[in-house]
């Protein structure tokens, strides 16, 4: 197993263990990771005690329809933006009734632009206690799979921090 895969598994275990102990329900809203965060969580035995659901909202239409992201935000800032990451997390929290939700929207590559290069990923965290955070990572043009793995790891770290403060 690669070191990153081992780190992801260990983080997912800690997320499930901590959320279960605190009786918190989790939701994920994923774009560029396509369900990999939910997959990492559900690989953990007992994850059903904590993980409620995941939304794979790859298209803009899915972000709008499933999570209630305002289309004007997408038009103004683009799908890969702080505003959309925030709304995705809040939308997942609201639609699911979970206690903690994390979101990911980014450009895994190839492609991108000077303003939004490959490796740019925005994360959102929202909790039912009112905590809302966003985080920007610029992983660089390091390859699609590596960006997606790094994004899963970062999302689990953010989710764990939210669970720990809920």
C-alpha atoms as a PDB file:
ATOM      1  CA  UNK A   1       0.000   0.000   0.000  1.00  0.00           C
ATOM      2  CA  UNK A   2       1.336   3.435  -0.861  1.00  0.00           C
ATOM      3  CA  UNK A   3       2.088   5.804   2.005  1.00  0.00           C
ATOM      4  CA  UNK A   4      -0.698   8.187   0.936  1.00  0.00           C
ATOM      5  CA  UNK A   5      -3.193   5.319   0.802  1.00  0.00           C
ATOM      6  CA  UNK A   6      -2.151   4.275   4.319  1.00  0.00           C
ATOM      7  CA  UNK A   7      -2.521   7.878   5.515  1.00  0.00           C
ATOM      8  CA  UNK A   8      -5.971   8.097   3.916  1.00  0.00           C
ATOM      9  CA  UNK A   9      -7.066   4.842   5.573  1.00  0.00           C
ATOM     10  CA  UNK A  10      -5.765   5.981   8.960  1.00  0.00           C
ATOM     11  CA  UNK A  11      -7.503   9.349   8.629  1.00  0.00           C
ATOM     12  CA  UNK A  12     -10.764   7.734   7.542  1.00  0.00           C
ATOM     13  CA  UNK A  13     -10.571   5.419  10.561  1.00  0.00           C
ATOM     14  CA  UNK A  14     -10.078   8.400  12.897  1.00  0.00           C
ATOM     15  CA  UNK A  15     -12.979  10.259  11.269  1.00  0.00           C
ATOM     16  CA  UNK A  16     -15.323   7.292  11.717  1.00  0.00           C
ATOM     17  CA  UNK A  17     -14.099   6.545  15.247  1.00  0.00           C
ATOM     18  CA  UNK A  18     -14.424  10.164  16.418  1.00  0.00           C
ATOM     19  CA  UNK A  19     -17.763  10.834  14.725  1.00  0.00           C
ATOM     20  CA  UNK A  20     -19.203   7.564  16.047  1.00  0.00           C
ATOM     21  CA  UNK A  21     -18.049   8.313  19.603  1.00  0.00           C
ATOM     22  CA  UNK A  22     -19.655  11.769  19.399  1.00  0.00           C
ATOM     23  CA  UNK A  23     -22.772  10.364  17.688  1.00  0.00           C
ATOM     24  CA  UNK A  24     -22.296  12.706  14.725  1.00  0.00           C
ATOM     25  CA  UNK A  25     -23.581  12.049  11.200  1.00  0.00           C
ATOM     26  CA  UNK A  26     -21.347  12.934   8.228  1.00  0.00           C
ATOM     27  CA  UNK A  27     -22.009  13.948   4.637  1.00  0.00           C
ATOM     28  CA  UNK A  28     -19.693  14.602   1.711  1.00  0.00           C
ATOM     29  CA  UNK A  29     -20.139  16.694  -1.436  1.00  0.00           C
ATOM     30  CA  UNK A  30     -17.534  15.828  -4.041  1.00  0.00           C
ATOM     31  CA  UNK A  31     -16.752  17.083  -7.489  1.00  0.00           C
ATOM     32  CA  UNK A  32     -13.185  16.385  -8.699  1.00  0.00           C
ATOM     33  CA  UNK A  33     -12.768  13.438  -6.315  1.00  0.00           C
ATOM     34  CA  UNK A  34     -15.860  11.693  -7.685  1.00  0.00           C
ATOM     35  CA  UNK A  35     -16.801   9.890  -4.473  1.00  0.00           C
ATOM     36  CA  UNK A  36     -13.319   8.910  -3.299  1.00  0.00           C
ATOM     37  CA  UNK A  37     -13.810  10.548   0.115  1.00  0.00           C
ATOM     38  CA  UNK A  38     -17.038   8.649   0.684  1.00  0.00           C
ATOM     39  CA  UNK A  39     -15.294   5.529  -0.557  1.00  0.00           C
ATOM     40  CA  UNK A  40     -12.422   5.969   1.915  1.00  0.00           C
ATOM     41  CA  UNK A  41     -14.890   6.401   4.772  1.00  0.00           C
ATOM     42  CA  UNK A  42     -17.067   3.436   3.827  1.00  0.00           C
ATOM     43  CA  UNK A  43     -14.027   1.125   3.617  1.00  0.00           C
ATOM     44  CA  UNK A  44     -13.891   1.412   7.408  1.00  0.00           C
ATOM     45  CA  UNK A  45     -15.907  -1.250   9.256  1.00  0.00           C
ATOM     46  CA  UNK A  46     -18.629   0.420  11.301  1.00  0.00           C
ATOM     47  CA  UNK A  47     -18.713   3.510   9.093  1.00  0.00           C
ATOM     48  CA  UNK A  48     -22.501   3.233   8.889  1.00  0.00           C
ATOM     49  CA  UNK A  49     -22.584   4.491  12.489  1.00  0.00           C
ATOM     50  CA  UNK A  50     -21.274   7.858  11.271  1.00  0.00           C
ATOM     51  CA  UNK A  51     -21.502   8.241   7.499  1.00  0.00           C
ATOM     52  CA  UNK A  52     -24.928   9.272   6.262  1.00  0.00           C
ATOM     53  CA  UNK A  53     -24.468  10.011   2.578  1.00  0.00           C
ATOM     54  CA  UNK A  54     -22.380  11.474  -0.171  1.00  0.00           C
ATOM     55  CA  UNK A  55     -23.199  13.655  -3.122  1.00  0.00           C
ATOM     56  CA  UNK A  56     -21.135  13.349  -6.285  1.00  0.00           C
ATOM     57  CA  UNK A  57     -21.858  16.636  -8.014  1.00  0.00           C
ATOM     58  CA  UNK A  58     -19.433  16.654 -10.885  1.00  0.00           C
ATOM     59  CA  UNK A  59     -21.405  18.966 -13.161  1.00  0.00           C
ATOM     60  CA  UNK A  60     -22.571  22.485 -12.403  1.00  0.00           C
ATOM     61  CA  UNK A  61     -26.154  21.303 -12.886  1.00  0.00           C
ATOM     62  CA  UNK A  62     -25.641  18.638 -10.214  1.00  0.00           C
ATOM     63  CA  UNK A  63     -24.229  21.232  -7.796  1.00  0.00           C
ATOM     64  CA  UNK A  64     -27.311  23.391  -8.380  1.00  0.00           C
ATOM     65  CA  UNK A  65     -29.920  20.597  -8.359  1.00  0.00           C
ATOM     66  CA  UNK A  66     -28.564  18.389  -5.562  1.00  0.00           C
ATOM     67  CA  UNK A  67     -26.927  20.918  -3.249  1.00  0.00           C
ATOM     68  CA  UNK A  68     -28.791  24.140  -3.986  1.00  0.00           C
ATOM     69  CA  UNK A  69     -25.697  26.030  -5.136  1.00  0.00           C
ATOM     70  CA  UNK A  70     -26.779  29.388  -6.542  1.00  0.00           C
ATOM     71  CA  UNK A  71     -26.157  29.381 -10.314  1.00  0.00           C
ATOM     72  CA  UNK A  72     -25.196  33.049 -10.075  1.00  0.00           C
ATOM     73  CA  UNK A  73     -22.252  32.105  -7.836  1.00  0.00           C
ATOM     74  CA  UNK A  74     -21.052  29.610 -10.418  1.00  0.00           C
ATOM     75  CA  UNK A  75     -21.468  32.195 -13.172  1.00  0.00           C
ATOM     76  CA  UNK A  76     -19.573  34.863 -11.209  1.00  0.00           C
ATOM     77  CA  UNK A  77     -16.813  32.845  -9.541  1.00  0.00           C
ATOM     78  CA  UNK A  78     -16.743  29.516 -11.395  1.00  0.00           C
ATOM     79  CA  UNK A  79     -17.356  26.052 -10.013  1.00  0.00           C
ATOM     80  CA  UNK A  80     -13.823  25.927  -8.603  1.00  0.00           C
ATOM     81  CA  UNK A  81     -14.061  28.736  -6.083  1.00  0.00           C
ATOM     82  CA  UNK A  82     -14.329  29.500  -2.405  1.00  0.00           C
ATOM     83  CA  UNK A  83     -17.963  30.592  -2.782  1.00  0.00           C
ATOM     84  CA  UNK A  84     -19.020  27.348  -4.465  1.00  0.00           C
ATOM     85  CA  UNK A  85     -17.061  25.155  -2.004  1.00  0.00           C
ATOM     86  CA  UNK A  86     -18.834  26.925   0.873  1.00  0.00           C
ATOM     87  CA  UNK A  87     -22.265  26.511  -0.723  1.00  0.00           C
ATOM     88  CA  UNK A  88     -21.604  22.861  -1.535  1.00  0.00           C
ATOM     89  CA  UNK A  89     -20.773  22.108   2.125  1.00  0.00           C
ATOM     90  CA  UNK A  90     -23.784  24.055   3.383  1.00  0.00           C
ATOM     91  CA  UNK A  91     -26.009  22.384   0.784  1.00  0.00           C
ATOM     92  CA  UNK A  92     -24.843  18.902   1.766  1.00  0.00           C
ATOM     93  CA  UNK A  93     -25.414  19.712   5.426  1.00  0.00           C
ATOM     94  CA  UNK A  94     -28.901  21.045   4.751  1.00  0.00           C
ATOM     95  CA  UNK A  95     -30.024  18.365   2.285  1.00  0.00           C
ATOM     96  CA  UNK A  96     -28.805  15.474   4.427  1.00  0.00           C
ATOM     97  CA  UNK A  97     -29.526  16.674   7.930  1.00  0.00           C
ATOM     98  CA  UNK A  98     -26.001  15.576   8.870  1.00  0.00           C
ATOM     99  CA  UNK A  99     -23.976  17.206  11.641  1.00  0.00           C
ATOM    100  CA  UNK A 100     -20.786  17.751   9.635  1.00  0.00           C
ATOM    101  CA  UNK A 101     -20.284  18.074   5.879  1.00  0.00           C
ATOM    102  CA  UNK A 102     -17.195  18.518   3.750  1.00  0.00           C
ATOM    103  CA  UNK A 103     -17.023  19.581   0.101  1.00  0.00           C
ATOM    104  CA  UNK A 104     -14.401  19.416  -2.627  1.00  0.00           C
ATOM    105  CA  UNK A 105     -14.320  21.234  -5.965  1.00  0.00           C
ATOM    106  CA  UNK A 106     -11.200  21.512  -8.055  1.00  0.00           C
ATOM    107  CA  UNK A 107      -9.222  21.019 -11.221  1.00  0.00           C
ATOM    108  CA  UNK A 108      -7.477  17.665 -11.020  1.00  0.00           C
ATOM    109  CA  UNK A 109      -5.962  18.136 -14.466  1.00  0.00           C
ATOM    110  CA  UNK A 110      -4.936  18.133 -17.121  1.00  0.00           C
ATOM    111  CA  UNK A 111      -5.962  21.577 -18.173  1.00  0.00           C
ATOM    112  CA  UNK A 112      -6.800  24.615 -16.175  1.00  0.00           C
ATOM    113  CA  UNK A 113      -5.741  28.181 -16.830  1.00  0.00           C
ATOM    114  CA  UNK A 114      -3.326  30.771 -15.480  1.00  0.00           C
ATOM    115  CA  UNK A 115      -5.970  31.900 -12.979  1.00  0.00           C
ATOM    116  CA  UNK A 116      -7.211  28.404 -12.129  1.00  0.00           C
ATOM    117  CA  UNK A 117      -4.392  25.957 -12.853  1.00  0.00           C
ATOM    118  CA  UNK A 118      -4.439  22.183 -12.619  1.00  0.00           C
ATOM    119  CA  UNK A 119      -4.099  21.230  -8.976  1.00  0.00           C
ATOM    120  CA  UNK A 120      -6.264  24.074  -7.639  1.00  0.00           C
ATOM    121  CA  UNK A 121      -8.787  22.619  -5.191  1.00  0.00           C
ATOM    122  CA  UNK A 122     -11.226  24.347  -2.850  1.00  0.00           C
ATOM    123  CA  UNK A 123     -12.650  22.638   0.238  1.00  0.00           C
ATOM    124  CA  UNK A 124     -15.613  23.583   2.388  1.00  0.00           C
ATOM    125  CA  UNK A 125     -16.613  22.493   5.871  1.00  0.00           C
ATOM    126  CA  UNK A 126     -19.971  23.133   7.502  1.00  0.00           C
ATOM    127  CA  UNK A 127     -21.351  21.909  10.811  1.00  0.00           C
ATOM    128  CA  UNK A 128     -24.790  22.004  12.355  1.00  0.00           C
ATOM    129  CA  UNK A 129     -23.269  24.056  15.197  1.00  0.00           C
ATOM    130  CA  UNK A 130     -22.612  26.883  12.732  1.00  0.00           C
ATOM    131  CA  UNK A 131     -18.947  26.363  11.915  1.00  0.00           C
ATOM    132  CA  UNK A 132     -18.173  27.223   8.291  1.00  0.00           C
ATOM    133  CA  UNK A 133     -14.668  27.112   6.844  1.00  0.00           C
ATOM    134  CA  UNK A 134     -13.085  27.070   3.441  1.00  0.00           C
ATOM    135  CA  UNK A 135      -9.605  26.070   2.406  1.00  0.00           C
ATOM    136  CA  UNK A 136      -7.699  26.553  -0.834  1.00  0.00           C
ATOM    137  CA  UNK A 137      -4.958  24.160  -1.874  1.00  0.00           C
ATOM    138  CA  UNK A 138      -2.703  24.527  -4.894  1.00  0.00           C
ATOM    139  CA  UNK A 139      -1.224  21.064  -5.269  1.00  0.00           C
ATOM    140  CA  UNK A 140       0.315  21.926  -8.635  1.00  0.00           C
ATOM    141  CA  UNK A 141       0.134  20.101 -11.950  1.00  0.00           C
ATOM    142  CA  UNK A 142       1.277  16.839 -10.357  1.00  0.00           C
ATOM    143  CA  UNK A 143      -1.041  14.518 -12.247  1.00  0.00           C
ATOM    144  CA  UNK A 144      -4.754  13.855 -12.027  1.00  0.00           C
ATOM    145  CA  UNK A 145      -4.582  10.817  -9.729  1.00  0.00           C
ATOM    146  CA  UNK A 146      -2.099  12.459  -7.350  1.00  0.00           C
ATOM    147  CA  UNK A 147      -4.235  15.613  -7.080  1.00  0.00           C
ATOM    148  CA  UNK A 148      -7.304  13.505  -6.368  1.00  0.00           C
ATOM    149  CA  UNK A 149      -5.492  11.486  -3.667  1.00  0.00           C
ATOM    150  CA  UNK A 150      -4.093  14.641  -2.070  1.00  0.00           C
ATOM    151  CA  UNK A 151      -7.597  16.104  -2.126  1.00  0.00           C
ATOM    152  CA  UNK A 152      -9.073  13.063  -0.380  1.00  0.00           C
ATOM    153  CA  UNK A 153      -6.420  13.305   2.329  1.00  0.00           C
ATOM    154  CA  UNK A 154      -7.039  17.033   2.797  1.00  0.00           C
ATOM    155  CA  UNK A 155     -10.821  16.572   2.897  1.00  0.00           C
ATOM    156  CA  UNK A 156     -10.519  13.862   5.565  1.00  0.00           C
ATOM    157  CA  UNK A 157      -8.232  16.108   7.634  1.00  0.00           C
ATOM    158  CA  UNK A 158     -10.753  18.931   7.368  1.00  0.00           C
ATOM    159  CA  UNK A 159     -13.631  16.597   8.203  1.00  0.00           C
ATOM    160  CA  UNK A 160     -11.757  15.291  11.248  1.00  0.00           C
ATOM    161  CA  UNK A 161     -11.156  18.851  12.462  1.00  0.00           C
ATOM    162  CA  UNK A 162     -14.869  19.605  12.065  1.00  0.00           C
ATOM    163  CA  UNK A 163     -15.890  16.442  13.902  1.00  0.00           C
ATOM    164  CA  UNK A 164     -13.469  17.299  16.691  1.00  0.00           C
ATOM    165  CA  UNK A 165     -15.028  20.732  17.129  1.00  0.00           C
ATOM    166  CA  UNK A 166     -18.691  19.704  16.854  1.00  0.00           C
END
